[in-house]
Amino acid sequence: MEKRGLPIGIQTLEKIVQEDRVYVDKTELIYQLINGSGAYFLSRPRRFGKSLLISTLEAIFKGRKELFKGLWIEKSDYNWEIFPVIRLDMSSASSSHSTELKLLLNIQLNNIAKEHAIPLDADLPPQANLITLISELSSKEGKVVVLIDEYDKPIIDQLKNTEIAKQNREILKDFYGVLKSQDEHIRLV
């Protein structure tokens, strides 16, 4: 029997499948999660598979059934409906200035918007662009899935500089606060 490599440091389902690495099938639990209520907050220690879970959820909601051959969800009654996905990785939004954080958020939103031919205004605050992106995506393609990885990194990275940490917290509070107001357009957060 050939030994399969462990997925150490690999954070995407697609790469695990392509490289034929070991994957512990948690898709039955994911199925239960995505068929429950619409908002989840998952807090786990570092290196606990949160980014891989986000990648797996993204693949499911983008209808990438080919990545799930031999896994529980492939054989389930899941219908593989495709949803527009807004995936934000806050690990790249770490900043030492509030203006920089707003810029980095708008860059991520704009990159997603370009994929869907939705214009955003770089001069608007990120929360305004998030509202536009969610509502436009919902109008064009159906309810939206919002996946956020490393949601608190812009705050955690600045704990030694409490003033910047507080500024970043306020920016993220306003940014994430939009999600509640967009509930009618959201399939899952």
N, C-alpha and C. Protein backbone atom coordinates (compact mmCIF):
# COMPACT_ATOMS: atom_id res chain seq x y z
N MET A 1 0.84 -1.18 0.00
CA MET A 1 0.00 0.00 0.00
C MET A 1 0.89 1.24 0.00
N GLU A 2 0.61 2.15 -0.92
CA GLU A 2 1.39 3.37 -1.03
C GLU A 2 0.95 4.37 0.04
N LYS A 3 1.93 4.98 0.70
CA LYS A 3 1.61 5.98 1.71
C LYS A 3 1.33 7.32 1.05
N ARG A 4 0.25 7.95 1.49
CA ARG A 4 -0.10 9.28 1.00
C ARG A 4 0.49 10.30 1.95
N GLY A 5 0.93 11.41 1.41
CA GLY A 5 1.54 12.45 2.22
C GLY A 5 0.51 13.20 3.06
N LEU A 6 0.99 13.70 4.18
CA LEU A 6 0.13 14.52 5.03
C LEU A 6 0.05 15.93 4.43
N PRO A 7 -1.05 16.62 4.65
CA PRO A 7 -1.23 17.95 4.06
C PRO A 7 -0.67 19.08 4.94
N ILE A 8 0.49 18.88 5.49
CA ILE A 8 1.07 19.86 6.41
C ILE A 8 1.29 21.18 5.67
N GLY A 9 0.72 22.24 6.21
CA GLY A 9 0.87 23.57 5.63
C GLY A 9 0.00 23.84 4.42
N ILE A 10 -0.79 22.87 3.99
CA ILE A 10 -1.67 23.07 2.83
C ILE A 10 -3.03 23.56 3.34
N GLN A 11 -3.49 24.66 2.78
CA GLN A 11 -4.71 25.28 3.28
C GLN A 11 -5.84 25.31 2.26
N THR A 12 -5.67 24.60 1.15
CA THR A 12 -6.74 24.55 0.16
C THR A 12 -7.10 23.11 -0.18
N LEU A 13 -8.38 22.85 -0.26
CA LEU A 13 -8.85 21.52 -0.60
C LEU A 13 -8.36 21.11 -1.98
N GLU A 14 -8.39 22.03 -2.91
CA GLU A 14 -7.97 21.71 -4.28
C GLU A 14 -6.53 21.18 -4.32
N LYS A 15 -5.64 21.80 -3.57
CA LYS A 15 -4.24 21.36 -3.56
C LYS A 15 -4.10 19.98 -2.90
N ILE A 16 -4.86 19.74 -1.85
CA ILE A 16 -4.83 18.42 -1.19
C ILE A 16 -5.26 17.34 -2.19
N VAL A 17 -6.32 17.62 -2.94
CA VAL A 17 -6.82 16.65 -3.92
C VAL A 17 -5.80 16.47 -5.06
N GLN A 18 -5.28 17.58 -5.59
CA GLN A 18 -4.32 17.51 -6.69
C GLN A 18 -3.07 16.74 -6.31
N GLU A 19 -2.60 16.93 -5.08
CA GLU A 19 -1.38 16.26 -4.64
C GLU A 19 -1.65 14.92 -3.96
N ASP A 20 -2.91 14.47 -3.98
CA ASP A 20 -3.32 13.19 -3.40
C ASP A 20 -2.83 13.05 -1.96
N ARG A 21 -3.07 14.08 -1.16
CA ARG A 21 -2.70 14.07 0.25
C ARG A 21 -3.83 13.47 1.09
N VAL A 22 -3.50 13.13 2.31
CA VAL A 22 -4.50 12.62 3.24
C VAL A 22 -5.49 13.74 3.56
N TYR A 23 -6.78 13.40 3.52
CA TYR A 23 -7.82 14.35 3.90
C TYR A 23 -8.80 13.61 4.80
N VAL A 24 -8.99 14.11 6.02
CA VAL A 24 -9.96 13.52 6.93
C VAL A 24 -11.32 14.07 6.52
N ASP A 25 -12.19 13.18 6.11
CA ASP A 25 -13.49 13.57 5.56
C ASP A 25 -14.41 14.11 6.65
N LYS A 26 -14.60 15.42 6.62
CA LYS A 26 -15.51 16.08 7.55
C LYS A 26 -16.73 16.62 6.81
N THR A 27 -16.94 16.14 5.59
CA THR A 27 -18.00 16.73 4.77
C THR A 27 -19.40 16.44 5.30
N GLU A 28 -19.58 15.39 6.08
CA GLU A 28 -20.91 15.16 6.67
C GLU A 28 -21.21 16.26 7.69
N LEU A 29 -20.22 16.64 8.47
CA LEU A 29 -20.40 17.73 9.43
C LEU A 29 -20.58 19.07 8.71
N ILE A 30 -19.84 19.26 7.63
CA ILE A 30 -19.99 20.49 6.84
C ILE A 30 -21.39 20.55 6.23
N TYR A 31 -21.89 19.43 5.75
CA TYR A 31 -23.24 19.35 5.20
C TYR A 31 -24.26 19.81 6.26
N GLN A 32 -24.10 19.31 7.48
CA GLN A 32 -25.01 19.71 8.56
C GLN A 32 -24.89 21.21 8.84
N LEU A 33 -23.67 21.73 8.80
CA LEU A 33 -23.43 23.14 9.04
C LEU A 33 -24.11 24.00 7.98
N ILE A 34 -23.93 23.68 6.71
CA ILE A 34 -24.47 24.52 5.65
C ILE A 34 -25.98 24.37 5.47
N ASN A 35 -26.56 23.37 6.10
CA ASN A 35 -28.01 23.22 6.06
C ASN A 35 -28.67 23.73 7.34
N GLY A 36 -27.88 24.37 8.19
CA GLY A 36 -28.41 24.97 9.41
C GLY A 36 -28.71 26.43 9.20
N SER A 37 -28.54 27.22 10.26
CA SER A 37 -28.81 28.66 10.15
C SER A 37 -27.75 29.33 9.29
N GLY A 38 -27.89 30.62 9.06
CA GLY A 38 -27.07 31.30 8.07
C GLY A 38 -25.78 31.93 8.52
N ALA A 39 -25.51 32.03 9.83
CA ALA A 39 -24.30 32.71 10.28
C ALA A 39 -23.57 31.87 11.33
N TYR A 40 -22.26 31.74 11.15
CA TYR A 40 -21.44 30.97 12.08
C TYR A 40 -20.17 31.73 12.40
N PHE A 41 -19.73 31.58 13.62
CA PHE A 41 -18.44 32.10 14.05
C PHE A 41 -17.66 30.90 14.58
N LEU A 42 -16.56 30.57 13.93
CA LEU A 42 -15.77 29.42 14.34
C LEU A 42 -14.43 29.90 14.89
N SER A 43 -14.21 29.64 16.15
CA SER A 43 -12.98 30.06 16.79
C SER A 43 -12.21 28.82 17.24
N ARG A 44 -11.04 28.65 16.73
CA ARG A 44 -10.18 27.51 17.07
C ARG A 44 -8.75 28.00 17.19
N PRO A 45 -7.90 27.24 17.83
CA PRO A 45 -6.48 27.64 17.93
C PRO A 45 -5.81 27.67 16.56
N ARG A 46 -4.67 28.32 16.51
CA ARG A 46 -3.88 28.36 15.27
C ARG A 46 -3.58 26.93 14.81
N ARG A 47 -3.47 26.77 13.49
CA ARG A 47 -3.11 25.50 12.86
C ARG A 47 -4.17 24.43 13.11
N PHE A 48 -5.43 24.81 13.22
CA PHE A 48 -6.51 23.89 13.53
C PHE A 48 -7.40 23.60 12.33
N GLY A 49 -7.03 24.09 11.15
CA GLY A 49 -7.75 23.77 9.93
C GLY A 49 -8.85 24.75 9.54
N LYS A 50 -8.85 25.94 10.12
CA LYS A 50 -9.89 26.91 9.78
C LYS A 50 -9.80 27.35 8.32
N SER A 51 -8.60 27.62 7.84
CA SER A 51 -8.44 28.05 6.44
C SER A 51 -8.82 26.93 5.48
N LEU A 52 -8.50 25.70 5.82
CA LEU A 52 -8.90 24.57 4.99
C LEU A 52 -10.43 24.43 4.99
N LEU A 53 -11.07 24.65 6.12
CA LEU A 53 -12.53 24.61 6.17
C LEU A 53 -13.13 25.69 5.28
N ILE A 54 -12.57 26.90 5.32
CA ILE A 54 -13.04 27.99 4.46
C ILE A 54 -12.89 27.58 2.99
N SER A 55 -11.75 27.00 2.64
CA SER A 55 -11.51 26.54 1.27
C SER A 55 -12.51 25.47 0.86
N THR A 56 -12.81 24.56 1.77
CA THR A 56 -13.76 23.48 1.50
C THR A 56 -15.16 24.05 1.29
N LEU A 57 -15.56 24.99 2.14
CA LEU A 57 -16.86 25.63 1.98
C LEU A 57 -16.94 26.37 0.65
N GLU A 58 -15.88 27.07 0.30
CA GLU A 58 -15.86 27.79 -0.98
C GLU A 58 -16.04 26.82 -2.15
N ALA A 59 -15.34 25.69 -2.11
CA ALA A 59 -15.44 24.70 -3.19
C ALA A 59 -16.86 24.13 -3.28
N ILE A 60 -17.47 23.88 -2.15
CA ILE A 60 -18.84 23.35 -2.14
C ILE A 60 -19.79 24.37 -2.76
N PHE A 61 -19.71 25.62 -2.30
CA PHE A 61 -20.65 26.64 -2.78
C PHE A 61 -20.37 27.08 -4.21
N LYS A 62 -19.18 26.80 -4.71
CA LYS A 62 -18.91 27.08 -6.12
C LYS A 62 -19.23 25.88 -7.00
N GLY A 63 -19.76 24.81 -6.38
CA GLY A 63 -20.19 23.64 -7.14
C GLY A 63 -19.07 22.76 -7.66
N ARG A 64 -17.93 22.76 -6.98
CA ARG A 64 -16.76 22.01 -7.44
C ARG A 64 -16.84 20.53 -7.00
N LYS A 65 -17.87 19.86 -7.41
CA LYS A 65 -18.14 18.48 -7.00
C LYS A 65 -16.96 17.54 -7.30
N GLU A 66 -16.20 17.83 -8.36
CA GLU A 66 -15.09 16.96 -8.75
C GLU A 66 -14.02 16.86 -7.65
N LEU A 67 -13.96 17.84 -6.76
CA LEU A 67 -12.97 17.80 -5.67
C LEU A 67 -13.39 16.86 -4.54
N PHE A 68 -14.63 16.39 -4.57
CA PHE A 68 -15.18 15.63 -3.45
C PHE A 68 -15.40 14.15 -3.77
N LYS A 69 -14.72 13.65 -4.81
CA LYS A 69 -14.85 12.23 -5.18
C LYS A 69 -14.46 11.34 -3.99
N GLY A 70 -15.34 10.43 -3.67
CA GLY A 70 -15.08 9.49 -2.59
C GLY A 70 -15.39 10.02 -1.20
N LEU A 71 -15.80 11.25 -1.09
CA LEU A 71 -16.12 11.83 0.22
C LEU A 71 -17.62 11.73 0.49
N TRP A 72 -17.99 11.84 1.74
CA TRP A 72 -19.37 11.66 2.16
C TRP A 72 -20.33 12.54 1.36
N ILE A 73 -20.00 13.82 1.19
CA ILE A 73 -20.93 14.76 0.57
C ILE A 73 -21.21 14.43 -0.90
N GLU A 74 -20.27 13.78 -1.56
CA GLU A 74 -20.48 13.41 -2.97
C GLU A 74 -21.66 12.45 -3.09
N LYS A 75 -21.81 11.57 -2.12
CA LYS A 75 -22.87 10.55 -2.17
C LYS A 75 -24.17 11.02 -1.51
N SER A 76 -24.14 12.21 -0.91
CA SER A 76 -25.31 12.71 -0.18
C SER A 76 -26.34 13.29 -1.15
N ASP A 77 -27.40 13.83 -0.59
CA ASP A 77 -28.44 14.46 -1.40
C ASP A 77 -28.14 15.95 -1.66
N TYR A 78 -26.93 16.40 -1.34
CA TYR A 78 -26.60 17.80 -1.59
C TYR A 78 -26.76 18.10 -3.08
N ASN A 79 -27.37 19.24 -3.43
CA ASN A 79 -27.72 19.49 -4.83
C ASN A 79 -26.67 20.26 -5.63
N TRP A 80 -25.58 20.68 -5.02
CA TRP A 80 -24.46 21.34 -5.70
C TRP A 80 -24.87 22.62 -6.43
N GLU A 81 -25.86 23.32 -5.85
CA GLU A 81 -26.25 24.62 -6.39
C GLU A 81 -25.07 25.59 -6.24
N ILE A 82 -24.84 26.37 -7.27
CA ILE A 82 -23.71 27.31 -7.26
C ILE A 82 -24.18 28.65 -6.70
N PHE A 83 -23.39 29.18 -5.76
CA PHE A 83 -23.66 30.47 -5.14
C PHE A 83 -22.47 31.39 -5.38
N PRO A 84 -22.70 32.70 -5.50
CA PRO A 84 -21.57 33.62 -5.55
C PRO A 84 -20.90 33.66 -4.18
N VAL A 85 -19.57 33.64 -4.17
CA VAL A 85 -18.82 33.59 -2.92
C VAL A 85 -17.95 34.84 -2.80
N ILE A 86 -18.05 35.48 -1.64
CA ILE A 86 -17.14 36.56 -1.27
C ILE A 86 -16.24 35.97 -0.21
N ARG A 87 -15.00 35.70 -0.59
CA ARG A 87 -14.04 35.13 0.35
C ARG A 87 -13.00 36.19 0.68
N LEU A 88 -12.94 36.56 1.93
CA LEU A 88 -12.00 37.57 2.40
C LEU A 88 -10.97 36.91 3.29
N ASP A 89 -9.71 37.17 3.00
CA ASP A 89 -8.62 36.66 3.82
C ASP A 89 -7.99 37.84 4.53
N MET A 90 -8.32 37.99 5.80
CA MET A 90 -7.87 39.15 6.55
C MET A 90 -6.40 39.05 6.96
N SER A 91 -5.77 37.91 6.72
CA SER A 91 -4.34 37.80 7.05
C SER A 91 -3.52 38.75 6.19
N SER A 92 -4.03 39.09 5.02
CA SER A 92 -3.31 40.03 4.16
C SER A 92 -3.75 41.46 4.41
N ALA A 93 -4.69 41.67 5.33
CA ALA A 93 -5.18 43.02 5.63
C ALA A 93 -4.57 43.57 6.91
N SER A 94 -3.50 42.95 7.37
CA SER A 94 -2.83 43.45 8.56
C SER A 94 -2.18 44.79 8.21
N SER A 95 -2.38 45.77 9.06
CA SER A 95 -1.85 47.09 8.72
C SER A 95 -1.47 47.87 9.96
N SER A 96 -0.63 48.85 9.76
CA SER A 96 -0.19 49.68 10.87
C SER A 96 -0.85 51.05 10.82
N HIS A 97 -1.82 51.23 9.93
CA HIS A 97 -2.52 52.50 9.83
C HIS A 97 -3.94 52.25 9.34
N SER A 98 -4.90 52.97 9.89
CA SER A 98 -6.30 52.72 9.54
C SER A 98 -6.58 52.97 8.06
N THR A 99 -5.93 53.95 7.46
CA THR A 99 -6.12 54.22 6.03
C THR A 99 -5.67 53.02 5.20
N GLU A 100 -4.58 52.40 5.62
CA GLU A 100 -4.06 51.22 4.92
C GLU A 100 -5.04 50.05 5.02
N LEU A 101 -5.64 49.85 6.19
CA LEU A 101 -6.60 48.76 6.35
C LEU A 101 -7.81 48.98 5.44
N LYS A 102 -8.33 50.19 5.39
CA LYS A 102 -9.46 50.48 4.51
C LYS A 102 -9.09 50.22 3.05
N LEU A 103 -7.91 50.62 2.66
CA LEU A 103 -7.44 50.39 1.29
C LEU A 103 -7.34 48.90 0.98
N LEU A 104 -6.76 48.13 1.90
CA LEU A 104 -6.61 46.69 1.69
C LEU A 104 -7.97 45.99 1.61
N LEU A 105 -8.92 46.42 2.42
CA LEU A 105 -10.27 45.85 2.35
C LEU A 105 -10.90 46.15 0.99
N ASN A 106 -10.78 47.40 0.55
CA ASN A 106 -11.34 47.77 -0.75
C ASN A 106 -10.66 47.03 -1.90
N ILE A 107 -9.37 46.77 -1.78
CA ILE A 107 -8.68 46.02 -2.83
C ILE A 107 -9.24 44.60 -2.92
N GLN A 108 -9.42 43.94 -1.78
CA GLN A 108 -9.98 42.58 -1.80
C GLN A 108 -11.39 42.59 -2.40
N LEU A 109 -12.21 43.55 -1.97
CA LEU A 109 -13.58 43.63 -2.49
C LEU A 109 -13.58 43.91 -3.99
N ASN A 110 -12.71 44.80 -4.42
CA ASN A 110 -12.64 45.14 -5.84
C ASN A 110 -12.20 43.95 -6.69
N ASN A 111 -11.26 43.16 -6.19
CA ASN A 111 -10.82 41.97 -6.93
C ASN A 111 -11.98 41.00 -7.14
N ILE A 112 -12.80 40.82 -6.11
CA ILE A 112 -13.96 39.94 -6.23
C ILE A 112 -14.99 40.56 -7.17
N ALA A 113 -15.21 41.87 -7.03
CA ALA A 113 -16.18 42.56 -7.88
C ALA A 113 -15.81 42.46 -9.35
N LYS A 114 -14.52 42.57 -9.67
CA LYS A 114 -14.07 42.48 -11.06
C LYS A 114 -14.41 41.12 -11.67
N GLU A 115 -14.28 40.06 -10.89
CA GLU A 115 -14.62 38.72 -11.38
C GLU A 115 -16.08 38.63 -11.82
N HIS A 116 -16.92 39.49 -11.26
CA HIS A 116 -18.36 39.45 -11.54
C HIS A 116 -18.84 40.68 -12.30
N ALA A 117 -17.90 41.48 -12.81
CA ALA A 117 -18.20 42.69 -13.58
C ALA A 117 -19.09 43.66 -12.81
N ILE A 118 -18.75 43.86 -11.54
CA ILE A 118 -19.48 44.80 -10.69
C ILE A 118 -18.53 45.95 -10.35
N PRO A 119 -18.89 47.17 -10.73
CA PRO A 119 -18.01 48.30 -10.41
C PRO A 119 -18.17 48.74 -8.96
N LEU A 120 -17.05 49.00 -8.31
CA LEU A 120 -17.04 49.56 -6.96
C LEU A 120 -16.30 50.89 -6.99
N ASP A 121 -16.56 51.71 -6.00
CA ASP A 121 -15.92 53.02 -5.90
C ASP A 121 -14.84 52.98 -4.83
N ALA A 122 -13.59 53.05 -5.24
CA ALA A 122 -12.45 52.97 -4.32
C ALA A 122 -12.44 54.11 -3.31
N ASP A 123 -13.17 55.19 -3.59
CA ASP A 123 -13.21 56.33 -2.67
C ASP A 123 -14.22 56.15 -1.55
N LEU A 124 -15.08 55.15 -1.68
CA LEU A 124 -16.06 54.88 -0.63
C LEU A 124 -15.44 54.03 0.47
N PRO A 125 -15.99 54.10 1.67
CA PRO A 125 -15.48 53.22 2.73
C PRO A 125 -15.76 51.76 2.40
N PRO A 126 -14.95 50.86 2.92
CA PRO A 126 -15.12 49.43 2.58
C PRO A 126 -16.51 48.89 2.86
N GLN A 127 -17.13 49.33 3.94
CA GLN A 127 -18.47 48.80 4.24
C GLN A 127 -19.48 49.18 3.16
N ALA A 128 -19.34 50.36 2.57
CA ALA A 128 -20.23 50.75 1.48
C ALA A 128 -20.00 49.86 0.26
N ASN A 129 -18.74 49.55 -0.03
CA ASN A 129 -18.44 48.67 -1.16
C ASN A 129 -18.90 47.24 -0.88
N LEU A 130 -18.84 46.82 0.38
CA LEU A 130 -19.33 45.48 0.72
C LEU A 130 -20.84 45.41 0.50
N ILE A 131 -21.56 46.46 0.90
CA ILE A 131 -23.01 46.50 0.66
C ILE A 131 -23.30 46.40 -0.84
N THR A 132 -22.59 47.19 -1.63
CA THR A 132 -22.79 47.17 -3.08
C THR A 132 -22.50 45.79 -3.65
N LEU A 133 -21.36 45.22 -3.25
CA LEU A 133 -20.97 43.91 -3.78
C LEU A 133 -22.00 42.84 -3.43
N ILE A 134 -22.43 42.80 -2.19
CA ILE A 134 -23.41 41.79 -1.78
C ILE A 134 -24.73 41.98 -2.53
N SER A 135 -25.24 43.20 -2.55
CA SER A 135 -26.55 43.40 -3.18
C SER A 135 -26.50 43.18 -4.69
N GLU A 136 -25.42 43.63 -5.35
CA GLU A 136 -25.30 43.42 -6.80
C GLU A 136 -25.12 41.94 -7.14
N LEU A 137 -24.27 41.26 -6.38
CA LEU A 137 -24.08 39.82 -6.61
C LEU A 137 -25.39 39.07 -6.41
N SER A 138 -26.10 39.42 -5.37
CA SER A 138 -27.38 38.77 -5.09
C SER A 138 -28.37 38.99 -6.22
N SER A 139 -28.41 40.21 -6.75
CA SER A 139 -29.32 40.52 -7.86
C SER A 139 -28.96 39.74 -9.12
N LYS A 140 -27.66 39.63 -9.38
CA LYS A 140 -27.19 38.99 -10.62
C LYS A 140 -27.16 37.46 -10.53
N GLU A 141 -26.73 36.92 -9.36
CA GLU A 141 -26.41 35.49 -9.31
C GLU A 141 -27.08 34.71 -8.19
N GLY A 142 -27.85 35.36 -7.34
CA GLY A 142 -28.51 34.66 -6.24
C GLY A 142 -27.85 34.96 -4.91
N LYS A 143 -28.41 34.39 -3.88
CA LYS A 143 -27.91 34.66 -2.52
C LYS A 143 -26.41 34.42 -2.43
N VAL A 144 -25.76 35.22 -1.60
CA VAL A 144 -24.30 35.28 -1.52
C VAL A 144 -23.79 34.50 -0.30
N VAL A 145 -22.64 33.88 -0.46
CA VAL A 145 -21.94 33.23 0.65
C VAL A 145 -20.74 34.12 0.97
N VAL A 146 -20.60 34.50 2.24
CA VAL A 146 -19.48 35.33 2.68
C VAL A 146 -18.62 34.49 3.62
N LEU A 147 -17.35 34.33 3.24
CA LEU A 147 -16.41 33.55 4.03
C LEU A 147 -15.26 34.46 4.43
N ILE A 148 -15.00 34.55 5.73
CA ILE A 148 -13.96 35.44 6.23
C ILE A 148 -12.95 34.62 7.02
N ASP A 149 -11.71 34.66 6.58
CA ASP A 149 -10.62 33.95 7.26
C ASP A 149 -9.75 34.97 7.99
N GLU A 150 -9.32 34.61 9.18
CA GLU A 150 -8.45 35.48 10.00
C GLU A 150 -9.13 36.82 10.27
N TYR A 151 -10.40 36.77 10.65
CA TYR A 151 -11.23 37.96 10.81
C TYR A 151 -10.64 39.04 11.72
N ASP A 152 -9.82 38.65 12.69
CA ASP A 152 -9.32 39.61 13.68
C ASP A 152 -7.83 39.95 13.54
N LYS A 153 -7.18 39.47 12.50
CA LYS A 153 -5.74 39.68 12.36
C LYS A 153 -5.33 41.15 12.35
N PRO A 154 -6.08 42.05 11.71
CA PRO A 154 -5.69 43.46 11.76
C PRO A 154 -5.70 44.05 13.17
N ILE A 155 -6.43 43.43 14.08
CA ILE A 155 -6.43 43.88 15.47
C ILE A 155 -5.31 43.19 16.24
N ILE A 156 -5.24 41.87 16.12
CA ILE A 156 -4.24 41.07 16.85
C ILE A 156 -2.82 41.53 16.54
N ASP A 157 -2.55 41.84 15.29
CA ASP A 157 -1.19 42.26 14.89
C ASP A 157 -0.79 43.60 15.50
N GLN A 158 -1.75 44.34 16.01
CA GLN A 158 -1.45 45.67 16.54
C GLN A 158 -1.66 45.78 18.05
N LEU A 159 -1.68 44.66 18.75
CA LEU A 159 -1.94 44.70 20.19
C LEU A 159 -0.90 45.50 20.97
N LYS A 160 0.30 45.60 20.45
CA LYS A 160 1.33 46.39 21.14
C LYS A 160 1.12 47.89 20.91
N ASN A 161 0.37 48.23 19.89
CA ASN A 161 0.04 49.62 19.61
C ASN A 161 -1.48 49.75 19.75
N THR A 162 -1.93 49.96 20.98
CA THR A 162 -3.36 49.89 21.28
C THR A 162 -4.19 50.91 20.51
N GLU A 163 -3.63 52.07 20.20
CA GLU A 163 -4.39 53.08 19.46
C GLU A 163 -4.74 52.56 18.06
N ILE A 164 -3.77 51.97 17.38
CA ILE A 164 -4.03 51.42 16.04
C ILE A 164 -4.95 50.21 16.14
N ALA A 165 -4.76 49.38 17.16
CA ALA A 165 -5.64 48.23 17.36
C ALA A 165 -7.09 48.69 17.53
N LYS A 166 -7.30 49.76 18.29
CA LYS A 166 -8.66 50.29 18.49
C LYS A 166 -9.22 50.85 17.19
N GLN A 167 -8.40 51.55 16.42
CA GLN A 167 -8.84 52.09 15.13
C GLN A 167 -9.23 50.95 14.18
N ASN A 168 -8.39 49.92 14.13
CA ASN A 168 -8.68 48.78 13.27
C ASN A 168 -9.94 48.05 13.73
N ARG A 169 -10.13 47.97 15.04
CA ARG A 169 -11.34 47.33 15.58
C ARG A 169 -12.59 48.09 15.12
N GLU A 170 -12.55 49.41 15.16
CA GLU A 170 -13.70 50.22 14.74
C GLU A 170 -13.97 50.06 13.25
N ILE A 171 -12.92 50.03 12.45
CA ILE A 171 -13.09 49.82 11.01
C ILE A 171 -13.75 48.47 10.75
N LEU A 172 -13.24 47.42 11.40
CA LEU A 172 -13.79 46.08 11.19
C LEU A 172 -15.20 45.96 11.76
N LYS A 173 -15.48 46.64 12.86
CA LYS A 173 -16.83 46.63 13.44
C LYS A 173 -17.83 47.20 12.42
N ASP A 174 -17.47 48.33 11.81
CA ASP A 174 -18.34 48.92 10.79
C ASP A 174 -18.44 48.02 9.56
N PHE A 175 -17.32 47.42 9.17
CA PHE A 175 -17.27 46.56 7.99
C PHE A 175 -18.12 45.30 8.20
N TYR A 176 -17.91 44.60 9.31
CA TYR A 176 -18.66 43.38 9.57
C TYR A 176 -20.12 43.66 9.92
N GLY A 177 -20.38 44.84 10.46
CA GLY A 177 -21.74 45.22 10.82
C GLY A 177 -22.69 45.23 9.63
N VAL A 178 -22.15 45.46 8.44
CA VAL A 178 -22.93 45.46 7.21
C VAL A 178 -23.60 44.11 6.97
N LEU A 179 -22.97 43.05 7.40
CA LEU A 179 -23.49 41.71 7.12
C LEU A 179 -24.89 41.52 7.68
N LYS A 180 -25.15 42.06 8.85
CA LYS A 180 -26.47 41.93 9.46
C LYS A 180 -27.53 42.62 8.60
N SER A 181 -27.20 43.80 8.08
CA SER A 181 -28.16 44.55 7.28
C SER A 181 -28.40 43.93 5.90
N GLN A 182 -27.52 43.04 5.49
CA GLN A 182 -27.64 42.41 4.16
C GLN A 182 -28.20 40.99 4.24
N ASP A 183 -28.78 40.64 5.36
CA ASP A 183 -29.26 39.27 5.61
C ASP A 183 -30.14 38.72 4.48
N GLU A 184 -30.99 39.53 3.91
CA GLU A 184 -31.89 39.06 2.86
C GLU A 184 -31.14 38.59 1.60
N HIS A 185 -29.89 39.05 1.44
CA HIS A 185 -29.09 38.72 0.26
C HIS A 185 -28.06 37.61 0.52
N ILE A 186 -28.03 37.11 1.76
CA ILE A 186 -26.94 36.21 2.16
C ILE A 186 -27.47 34.80 2.42
N ARG A 187 -26.78 33.83 1.84
CA ARG A 187 -27.08 32.40 2.06
C ARG A 187 -26.38 31.90 3.32
N LEU A 188 -25.11 32.30 3.51
CA LEU A 188 -24.32 31.83 4.65
C LEU A 188 -23.17 32.78 4.89
N VAL A 189 -22.86 33.00 6.15
CA VAL A 189 -21.67 33.77 6.55
C VAL A 189 -20.89 32.88 7.49
